[in-house]
Amino acid sequence: MVFTASAFAAVAAANPFADASEPKLLHVWFLGEEAVNADTKRLGEIATESKIGALLDALDQ
């Protein structure tokens, strides 16, 4: 899997935790392949609740 510099820039720009008190403690993970048996409904709820959806949207660009 290869990501372009612009893809990483989009993820960084979409950081919903930019005002975190310890920004160096924020990490981003990328799956090497699609998750099997993922509870996508619950993941969507969590993403909405925690603003992570902004990061996911950035990857779709």
Protein backbone atom coordinates (compact mmCIF):
# COMPACT_ATOMS: atom_id res chain seq x y z
CA MET A 1 0.00 0.00 0.00
CA VAL A 2 1.39 3.38 -0.99
CA PHE A 3 0.10 6.76 0.12
CA THR A 4 1.00 10.00 -1.56
CA ALA A 5 2.31 13.03 0.28
CA SER A 6 -0.95 14.81 -0.51
CA ALA A 7 -2.92 11.97 1.14
CA PHE A 8 -0.88 12.35 4.33
CA ALA A 9 -1.27 16.13 4.16
CA ALA A 10 -5.06 15.69 3.90
CA VAL A 11 -5.06 13.46 6.99
CA ALA A 12 -2.99 15.98 8.94
CA ALA A 13 -5.21 18.87 7.82
CA ALA A 14 -8.35 16.99 8.87
CA ASN A 15 -7.01 16.34 12.39
CA PRO A 16 -10.06 16.85 14.64
CA PHE A 17 -7.76 16.98 17.67
CA ALA A 18 -5.58 19.91 16.59
CA ASP A 19 -6.24 21.64 19.93
CA ALA A 20 -5.14 18.63 22.00
CA SER A 21 -2.92 19.42 24.97
CA GLU A 22 -0.40 16.76 23.86
CA PRO A 23 -0.56 16.71 20.04
CA LYS A 24 2.55 14.53 19.76
CA LEU A 25 0.57 11.72 21.42
CA LEU A 26 -1.91 11.51 18.53
CA HIS A 27 -1.31 8.57 16.20
CA VAL A 28 -2.89 7.49 12.93
CA TRP A 29 -3.07 3.89 11.77
CA PHE A 30 -3.72 2.60 8.28
CA LEU A 31 -4.97 -0.92 7.70
CA GLY A 32 -3.07 -2.96 5.14
CA GLU A 33 -6.32 -4.48 3.92
CA GLU A 34 -10.03 -4.17 4.50
CA ALA A 35 -11.12 -5.30 7.96
CA VAL A 36 -12.98 -8.60 8.01
CA ASN A 37 -16.23 -8.72 9.97
CA ALA A 38 -15.89 -5.09 11.01
CA ASP A 39 -18.89 -3.61 12.79
CA THR A 40 -19.06 -0.69 10.37
CA LYS A 41 -22.26 0.67 11.91
CA ARG A 42 -20.64 0.96 15.34
CA LEU A 43 -17.39 2.27 13.87
CA GLY A 44 -19.41 5.00 12.17
CA GLU A 45 -21.07 5.89 15.47
CA ILE A 46 -17.71 6.05 17.22
CA ALA A 47 -16.24 8.14 14.42
CA THR A 48 -19.12 10.59 14.70
CA GLU A 49 -18.91 10.72 18.48
CA SER A 50 -15.16 11.34 18.52
CA LYS A 51 -14.73 13.37 15.33
CA ILE A 52 -12.56 10.67 13.77
CA GLY A 53 -14.85 10.76 10.76
CA ALA A 54 -12.99 13.84 9.54
CA LEU A 55 -9.83 11.76 9.24
CA LEU A 56 -11.65 8.99 7.41
CA ASP A 57 -13.15 11.50 5.00
CA ALA A 58 -9.68 12.91 4.30
CA LEU A 59 -8.45 9.50 3.21
CA ASP A 60 -11.26 9.23 0.67
CA GLN A 61 -9.95 12.30 -1.19
